[in-house]
Amino acid sequence: MAVLEQLGVHPRVLFTPEHGLDGSAQAQVAVSSPERDKDDEWSRQVISLYGETKESLSPTAEQLDGIDILVIDLADVGSRYYTYVWTALLAARVAAAAGVHTLLLDRPNPISGDLKLTEGAPQAEGFTSFVGLEPVPIRHGLTAGELLAHFLSADGKDLGHEGALSIVPTRGWERHATARRWGRPFVPPSPNMPTVETALVYPGGCFLEGTNLSEGRGTTTPFQSVGAPFLNAGTLTEAMRDQALPGLMVRPHSFEPTFDKHAGKLCHGVMLHVTDERLFRPVETYLTLIQIAHQQAPEKFAFSTEPYEFETEIPAFDLLTGSDKARQAIVDGAAADEVVRLITPVPDEWLDIAASAEGRAADARA
């Protein structure tokens, strides 16, 4: 914002994603659009794109009326569930339909753009949602710009400054590097994404939102702390260690969330630490953890049936994993490696799509 104003550009309308303009709203909390101060010459209209309904997720053509260009500057974290990239895609599609050009300021993928680390198959038909509007792997290895370039091109839109989308590319980013090697602080893009390590575990850690296990919301280590009042920390730790999962240290951990699931109750479980980001596989790790937790306490463990990200018919766990296969397998008592095999493999054609997306983004350079 400051850079635009230094250039003499004064944005008059700001669209905000989930978590709001300042990134303070908790997950799945509707954000209202504040009243505009009409007495201020440079007063900006702030429009929330995360309200009470699914319709609120996209700007309307009327809201784009009079806009010369839609500038998108949002931080993604490399997982298909993180909603910012889908807000960007919805807004860009509405802008294209209205004849408004979109300029996206791209950012590096904080958990690396190494396509060898992609994990988690794209969603099956019927399982797309706001935690994955289009079929992509769970850990996709792309930037927001590359994803938008791919999908808008698939929509038949031209790219580049004369087309629907142009991109200011990242500069000096090494695709194989995570944010640990950027040489600058990691700025949390939302309340429960405080560190690089959180982002690294998130592609698997987010599965916990579809269960009655605490994912550590209400603690200082969300998605790394996992537990519930009905689990045994020592037993869970030993079972996880027996799996010999790569790039990972597991230790017993007890914690008391201040809000969200099991708030005010002592939870027992584990804390996960990434020891080698090149070997760590978050999707495999957390599927294994959930299968073991279910096995340890089948009568008390449960998958969530509450509405999730504007969806009421499909369980959250299925939306996150991309099908009902993993949930059914866990309920049926399948071994952890069997559950993992249902979800983790990424089809070979995705690597071709991802490489093409890199090229499309290059074509769209501003």
Protein backbone atom coordinates (compact mmCIF):
# COMPACT_ATOMS: atom_id res chain seq x y z
CA MET A 1 0.00 0.00 0.00
CA ALA A 2 2.78 2.43 0.96
CA VAL A 3 4.63 1.68 -2.29
CA LEU A 4 1.54 2.44 -4.38
CA GLU A 5 1.00 5.73 -2.58
CA GLN A 6 4.65 6.66 -3.08
CA LEU A 7 4.00 6.16 -6.79
CA GLY A 8 1.04 8.52 -6.59
CA VAL A 9 -1.53 5.73 -6.80
CA HIS A 10 -4.30 5.97 -4.23
CA PRO A 11 -6.39 2.77 -4.08
CA ARG A 12 -10.03 3.60 -3.51
CA VAL A 13 -11.36 0.08 -2.93
CA LEU A 14 -9.71 -2.63 -0.86
CA PHE A 15 -10.95 -6.22 -1.01
CA THR A 16 -9.97 -8.33 1.99
CA PRO A 17 -9.71 -12.14 2.30
CA GLU A 18 -10.38 -14.51 5.20
CA HIS A 19 -8.83 -13.13 8.40
CA GLY A 20 -9.52 -9.55 7.32
CA LEU A 21 -7.39 -6.59 6.30
CA ASP A 22 -5.07 -6.83 9.29
CA GLY A 23 -5.01 -10.64 9.40
CA SER A 24 -6.42 -10.80 12.92
CA ALA A 25 -9.74 -12.65 12.47
CA GLN A 26 -9.76 -16.32 13.42
CA ALA A 27 -10.41 -19.08 10.88
CA GLN A 28 -13.98 -19.36 9.54
CA VAL A 29 -15.02 -16.14 11.30
CA ALA A 30 -17.04 -13.91 8.97
CA VAL A 31 -15.47 -10.49 8.45
CA SER A 32 -17.77 -7.53 7.91
CA SER A 33 -17.13 -4.61 5.56
CA PRO A 34 -16.63 -1.42 7.61
CA GLU A 35 -18.43 1.81 6.85
CA ARG A 36 -16.57 4.19 4.59
CA ASP A 37 -15.55 7.63 5.85
CA LYS A 38 -16.99 9.72 3.03
CA ASP A 39 -15.56 12.96 4.47
CA ASP A 40 -11.98 11.80 3.86
CA GLU A 41 -10.73 12.58 0.34
CA TRP A 42 -8.65 9.41 0.23
CA SER A 43 -10.99 7.28 2.26
CA ARG A 44 -10.93 3.74 0.94
CA GLN A 45 -13.91 1.48 0.69
CA VAL A 46 -13.05 -1.84 2.34
CA ILE A 47 -15.04 -4.82 1.07
CA SER A 48 -14.75 -8.17 2.79
CA LEU A 49 -14.55 -11.23 0.57
CA TYR A 50 -15.17 -13.52 3.52
CA GLY A 51 -18.63 -12.89 4.89
CA GLU A 52 -21.55 -14.97 6.09
CA THR A 53 -22.35 -16.68 2.76
CA LYS A 54 -20.59 -18.46 -0.07
CA GLU A 55 -21.67 -15.62 -2.38
CA SER A 56 -19.58 -13.19 -0.32
CA LEU A 57 -16.38 -14.93 -1.42
CA SER A 58 -16.39 -13.20 -4.82
CA PRO A 59 -16.58 -9.49 -5.59
CA THR A 60 -19.53 -8.42 -7.70
CA ALA A 61 -19.28 -6.71 -11.06
CA GLU A 62 -20.83 -3.64 -9.42
CA GLN A 63 -18.06 -3.55 -6.81
CA LEU A 64 -15.49 -3.55 -9.61
CA ASP A 65 -17.26 -0.78 -11.49
CA GLY A 66 -14.92 2.14 -12.12
CA ILE A 67 -11.78 0.19 -11.17
CA ASP A 68 -8.94 0.56 -13.69
CA ILE A 69 -6.94 -2.41 -12.46
CA LEU A 70 -7.27 -5.07 -9.78
CA VAL A 71 -4.00 -5.46 -7.86
CA ILE A 72 -3.62 -8.67 -5.85
CA ASP A 73 -1.00 -8.91 -3.11
CA LEU A 74 -1.63 -11.95 -0.92
CA ALA A 75 0.71 -14.38 0.81
CA ASP A 76 0.13 -18.06 0.11
CA VAL A 77 1.66 -20.88 2.19
CA GLY A 78 1.88 -23.64 -0.41
CA SER A 79 -1.12 -25.75 0.67
CA ARG A 80 -4.34 -26.05 -1.28
CA TYR A 81 -6.46 -25.42 1.83
CA TYR A 82 -5.11 -21.93 2.42
CA THR A 83 -7.91 -19.77 1.12
CA TYR A 84 -6.05 -16.67 -0.03
CA VAL A 85 -5.18 -18.09 -3.44
CA TRP A 86 -8.82 -19.07 -4.02
CA THR A 87 -9.96 -15.57 -3.08
CA ALA A 88 -7.44 -14.29 -5.62
CA LEU A 89 -8.72 -16.66 -8.32
CA LEU A 90 -12.38 -15.80 -7.71
CA ALA A 91 -11.63 -12.08 -7.81
CA ALA A 92 -9.51 -12.40 -10.97
CA ARG A 93 -12.26 -14.36 -12.73
CA VAL A 94 -14.88 -11.73 -11.90
CA ALA A 95 -12.47 -9.00 -13.00
CA ALA A 96 -11.80 -10.77 -16.31
CA ALA A 97 -15.53 -11.10 -16.96
CA ALA A 98 -15.93 -7.37 -16.24
CA GLY A 99 -13.06 -6.39 -18.52
CA VAL A 100 -10.81 -5.34 -15.62
CA HIS A 101 -7.15 -6.32 -15.84
CA THR A 102 -5.59 -8.12 -12.85
CA LEU A 103 -2.03 -7.44 -11.76
CA LEU A 104 -0.73 -10.02 -9.27
CA LEU A 105 2.32 -9.29 -7.14
CA ASP A 106 3.76 -12.76 -6.79
CA ARG A 107 5.57 -14.10 -3.74
CA PRO A 108 7.80 -17.14 -3.12
CA ASN A 109 6.25 -20.36 -1.90
CA PRO A 110 7.45 -20.48 1.75
CA ILE A 111 7.61 -24.29 1.84
CA SER A 112 9.55 -24.37 -1.46
CA GLY A 113 8.65 -24.77 -5.09
CA ASP A 114 10.47 -28.08 -5.48
CA LEU A 115 7.99 -30.22 -7.39
CA LYS A 116 9.65 -33.37 -6.05
CA LEU A 117 8.09 -32.48 -2.69
CA THR A 118 4.51 -32.32 -3.96
CA GLU A 119 2.26 -34.54 -1.91
CA GLY A 120 -1.41 -35.41 -1.72
CA ALA A 121 -3.49 -36.25 -4.77
CA PRO A 122 -5.83 -33.66 -6.33
CA GLN A 123 -9.44 -33.81 -5.18
CA ALA A 124 -11.81 -36.35 -6.64
CA GLU A 125 -14.82 -35.14 -8.57
CA GLY A 126 -17.36 -33.58 -6.24
CA PHE A 127 -14.87 -32.71 -3.49
CA THR A 128 -13.78 -29.22 -4.52
CA SER A 129 -14.64 -26.38 -2.14
CA PHE A 130 -13.26 -23.11 -0.81
CA VAL A 131 -10.38 -25.14 0.66
CA GLY A 132 -9.60 -26.20 -2.91
CA LEU A 133 -11.71 -24.65 -5.66
CA GLU A 134 -9.79 -26.48 -8.37
CA PRO A 135 -8.14 -29.93 -8.32
CA VAL A 136 -4.53 -29.51 -7.20
CA PRO A 137 -2.25 -31.56 -4.94
CA ILE A 138 -2.35 -30.74 -1.24
CA ARG A 139 1.25 -29.53 -1.34
CA HIS A 140 1.35 -28.13 -4.84
CA GLY A 141 4.81 -26.56 -5.15
CA LEU A 142 3.65 -23.46 -7.02
CA THR A 143 3.26 -19.77 -6.30
CA ALA A 144 -0.05 -17.94 -6.30
CA GLY A 145 0.90 -16.36 -9.62
CA GLU A 146 1.62 -19.71 -11.21
CA LEU A 147 -1.68 -21.13 -10.00
CA LEU A 148 -3.68 -18.16 -11.30
CA ALA A 149 -1.83 -18.20 -14.61
CA HIS A 150 -2.66 -21.89 -15.01
CA PHE A 151 -6.36 -21.61 -14.19
CA LEU A 152 -7.05 -18.40 -16.11
CA SER A 153 -5.27 -19.86 -19.12
CA ALA A 154 -7.43 -22.98 -18.74
CA ASP A 155 -10.43 -20.63 -18.72
CA GLY A 156 -9.34 -19.44 -22.16
CA LYS A 157 -8.09 -16.04 -20.96
CA ASP A 158 -5.10 -14.35 -22.54
CA LEU A 159 -2.17 -13.56 -20.27
CA GLY A 160 0.16 -10.58 -20.18
CA HIS A 161 -0.49 -6.85 -19.98
CA GLU A 162 -2.93 -7.02 -22.89
CA GLY A 163 -4.80 -9.97 -21.39
CA ALA A 164 -6.68 -10.80 -18.22
CA LEU A 165 -3.67 -11.28 -15.95
CA SER A 166 -0.16 -9.99 -15.62
CA ILE A 167 2.29 -10.94 -12.89
CA VAL A 168 5.12 -9.13 -11.17
CA PRO A 169 7.38 -12.15 -10.60
CA THR A 170 9.45 -13.06 -7.58
CA ARG A 171 13.05 -11.93 -7.75
CA GLY A 172 16.00 -13.95 -6.49
CA TRP A 173 13.91 -16.85 -5.22
CA GLU A 174 15.52 -20.27 -5.26
CA ARG A 175 12.67 -22.73 -5.87
CA HIS A 176 14.24 -25.40 -3.69
CA ALA A 177 14.55 -23.07 -0.71
CA THR A 178 12.00 -22.62 2.04
CA ALA A 179 11.40 -19.39 3.92
CA ARG A 180 14.01 -20.53 6.43
CA ARG A 181 16.62 -19.40 3.90
CA TRP A 182 15.11 -16.09 2.84
CA GLY A 183 17.25 -14.08 5.21
CA ARG A 184 14.34 -12.05 6.53
CA PRO A 185 11.60 -12.55 9.12
CA PHE A 186 8.61 -14.71 8.33
CA VAL A 187 5.55 -12.46 8.60
CA PRO A 188 2.48 -14.40 9.80
CA PRO A 189 -0.25 -14.10 7.13
CA SER A 190 -2.98 -15.22 9.56
CA PRO A 191 -3.37 -15.76 13.33
CA ASN A 192 -2.50 -19.46 13.36
CA MET A 193 0.37 -19.35 10.87
CA PRO A 194 3.07 -17.83 13.11
CA THR A 195 6.25 -19.49 11.83
CA VAL A 196 7.88 -21.18 8.88
CA GLU A 197 7.68 -24.49 10.71
CA THR A 198 3.91 -24.03 11.03
CA ALA A 199 3.71 -23.61 7.26
CA LEU A 200 5.84 -26.73 6.74
CA VAL A 201 3.54 -28.94 8.82
CA TYR A 202 0.30 -27.31 7.66
CA PRO A 203 -0.28 -29.47 4.53
CA GLY A 204 -0.86 -32.36 6.93
CA GLY A 205 -1.74 -30.50 10.11
CA CYS A 206 -4.85 -28.99 8.60
CA PHE A 207 -6.41 -32.48 8.45
CA LEU A 208 -6.94 -32.15 12.19
CA GLU A 209 -9.61 -29.53 11.56
CA GLY A 210 -11.78 -32.37 10.29
CA THR A 211 -11.49 -34.29 13.59
CA ASN A 212 -12.15 -33.73 17.28
CA LEU A 213 -8.42 -33.65 17.99
CA SER A 214 -7.03 -30.25 18.93
CA GLU A 215 -4.68 -28.88 16.31
CA GLY A 216 -3.18 -26.56 18.89
CA ARG A 217 -5.36 -23.53 18.21
CA GLY A 218 -5.34 -21.54 21.40
CA THR A 219 -1.66 -22.36 21.97
CA THR A 220 1.54 -20.79 20.67
CA THR A 221 2.29 -23.81 18.48
CA PRO A 222 -0.76 -24.41 16.26
CA PHE A 223 -0.64 -27.48 14.00
CA GLN A 224 2.55 -28.69 15.71
CA SER A 225 0.74 -29.45 18.97
CA VAL A 226 -1.79 -32.26 18.59
CA GLY A 227 -3.86 -33.86 21.30
CA ALA A 228 -7.12 -34.44 23.14
CA PRO A 229 -8.17 -35.14 26.73
CA PHE A 230 -8.80 -38.78 25.84
CA LEU A 231 -5.37 -39.60 24.35
CA ASN A 232 -2.28 -41.01 26.05
CA ALA A 233 0.77 -38.92 25.18
CA GLY A 234 3.35 -41.63 25.83
CA THR A 235 1.54 -44.34 23.88
CA LEU A 236 0.88 -42.00 20.96
CA THR A 237 4.52 -40.87 20.89
CA GLU A 238 5.88 -44.39 20.87
CA ALA A 239 3.51 -45.46 18.10
CA MET A 240 4.55 -42.48 15.99
CA ARG A 241 8.22 -43.17 16.57
CA ASP A 242 7.72 -46.78 15.55
CA GLN A 243 6.61 -45.53 12.12
CA ALA A 244 10.09 -44.02 11.56
CA LEU A 245 8.68 -41.10 9.61
CA PRO A 246 11.42 -39.09 7.87
CA GLY A 247 12.59 -35.58 8.76
CA LEU A 248 10.68 -35.54 12.03
CA MET A 249 11.12 -35.55 15.79
CA VAL A 250 8.09 -36.50 17.90
CA ARG A 251 7.86 -35.88 21.63
CA PRO A 252 5.08 -36.32 24.19
CA HIS A 253 3.25 -33.10 24.88
CA SER A 254 0.40 -31.88 27.08
CA PHE A 255 -1.26 -28.51 26.63
CA GLU A 256 -4.40 -26.55 27.51
CA PRO A 257 -5.95 -24.60 24.62
CA THR A 258 -7.27 -21.17 25.56
CA PHE A 259 -9.92 -21.33 22.82
CA ASP A 260 -11.30 -23.58 20.09
CA LYS A 261 -11.49 -27.36 20.58
CA HIS A 262 -11.14 -28.57 24.18
CA ALA A 263 -10.66 -25.02 25.43
CA GLY A 264 -9.67 -24.98 29.09
CA LYS A 265 -9.10 -28.75 29.18
CA LEU A 266 -5.78 -30.52 29.50
CA CYS A 267 -4.98 -32.28 26.21
CA HIS A 268 -2.45 -35.07 25.89
CA GLY A 269 -0.69 -35.89 22.66
CA VAL A 270 2.44 -35.00 20.77
CA MET A 271 4.41 -32.09 19.46
CA LEU A 272 5.99 -32.46 16.02
CA HIS A 273 9.30 -30.84 15.08
CA VAL A 274 10.62 -30.77 11.50
CA THR A 275 14.29 -31.79 11.59
CA ASP A 276 14.87 -32.07 7.83
CA GLU A 277 12.59 -30.09 5.55
CA ARG A 278 13.83 -31.97 2.49
CA LEU A 279 12.76 -35.34 3.90
CA PHE A 280 9.68 -34.38 5.92
CA ARG A 281 6.36 -35.43 4.39
CA PRO A 282 3.52 -33.58 6.15
CA VAL A 283 0.60 -35.37 4.49
CA GLU A 284 2.00 -38.83 5.27
CA THR A 285 2.92 -37.76 8.80
CA TYR A 286 -0.47 -36.41 9.85
CA LEU A 287 -2.50 -39.14 8.17
CA THR A 288 -0.42 -41.59 10.18
CA LEU A 289 -0.95 -39.60 13.37
CA ILE A 290 -4.71 -39.46 12.90
CA GLN A 291 -4.93 -43.20 12.13
CA ILE A 292 -2.97 -43.99 15.32
CA ALA A 293 -5.11 -41.62 17.42
CA HIS A 294 -8.27 -43.29 16.12
CA GLN A 295 -6.82 -46.71 16.85
CA GLN A 296 -5.91 -45.63 20.38
CA ALA A 297 -9.35 -44.25 21.28
CA PRO A 298 -11.93 -45.40 18.69
CA GLU A 299 -14.92 -44.72 20.95
CA LYS A 300 -13.93 -41.11 21.67
CA PHE A 301 -12.20 -40.10 18.45
CA ALA A 302 -14.59 -38.55 15.92
CA PHE A 303 -14.59 -36.92 12.51
CA SER A 304 -16.28 -33.53 12.42
CA THR A 305 -19.77 -33.32 10.93
CA GLU A 306 -20.21 -29.56 11.37
CA PRO A 307 -20.39 -27.17 8.37
CA TYR A 308 -16.93 -26.34 7.10
CA GLU A 309 -15.96 -23.42 4.86
CA PHE A 310 -19.54 -22.94 3.59
CA GLU A 311 -20.04 -26.66 2.87
CA THR A 312 -22.74 -28.53 4.79
CA GLU A 313 -23.03 -31.91 3.07
CA ILE A 314 -19.46 -33.21 2.84
CA PRO A 315 -17.41 -33.82 6.03
CA ALA A 316 -14.51 -31.44 6.54
CA PHE A 317 -11.99 -34.30 6.57
CA ASP A 318 -13.15 -35.40 3.12
CA LEU A 319 -12.89 -31.85 1.74
CA LEU A 320 -9.36 -31.61 3.11
CA THR A 321 -8.13 -35.01 1.93
CA GLY A 322 -9.97 -34.65 -1.38
CA SER A 323 -12.22 -37.72 -1.15
CA ASP A 324 -13.91 -39.97 1.40
CA LYS A 325 -11.31 -42.72 0.98
CA ALA A 326 -9.01 -41.90 3.89
CA ARG A 327 -11.84 -41.36 6.36
CA GLN A 328 -13.54 -44.62 5.41
CA ALA A 329 -10.26 -46.51 5.61
CA ILE A 330 -9.52 -45.17 9.10
CA VAL A 331 -13.03 -46.03 10.29
CA ASP A 332 -12.65 -49.52 8.82
CA GLY A 333 -9.43 -50.07 10.77
CA ALA A 334 -6.94 -49.91 7.91
CA ALA A 335 -3.25 -49.72 8.78
CA ALA A 336 -1.54 -46.35 8.58
CA ASP A 337 0.45 -47.18 5.44
CA GLU A 338 -2.75 -48.23 3.67
CA VAL A 339 -4.41 -44.91 4.54
CA VAL A 340 -1.36 -43.00 3.34
CA ARG A 341 -1.32 -44.82 -0.01
CA LEU A 342 -4.89 -43.70 -0.67
CA ILE A 343 -4.01 -40.00 -0.47
CA THR A 344 -0.34 -39.20 -0.89
CA PRO A 345 0.59 -40.20 -4.48
CA VAL A 346 0.57 -37.28 -6.90
CA PRO A 347 -0.21 -38.33 -10.49
CA ASP A 348 2.61 -37.90 -12.99
CA GLU A 349 0.52 -35.56 -15.12
CA TRP A 350 0.53 -32.98 -12.33
CA LEU A 351 4.27 -32.46 -12.81
CA ASP A 352 3.59 -31.61 -16.46
CA ILE A 353 0.79 -29.26 -15.42
CA ALA A 354 3.02 -27.61 -12.81
CA ALA A 355 5.85 -27.12 -15.29
CA SER A 356 3.35 -25.63 -17.72
CA ALA A 357 2.07 -23.32 -14.96
CA GLU A 358 5.59 -21.99 -14.45
CA GLY A 359 5.76 -21.22 -18.15
CA ARG A 360 2.31 -19.59 -18.16
CA ALA A 361 3.37 -17.34 -15.29
CA ALA A 362 6.45 -16.34 -17.24
CA ASP A 363 4.22 -15.48 -20.20
CA ALA A 364 2.14 -13.25 -17.92
CA ARG A 365 5.04 -11.19 -16.60
CA ALA A 366 4.16 -7.52 -16.31
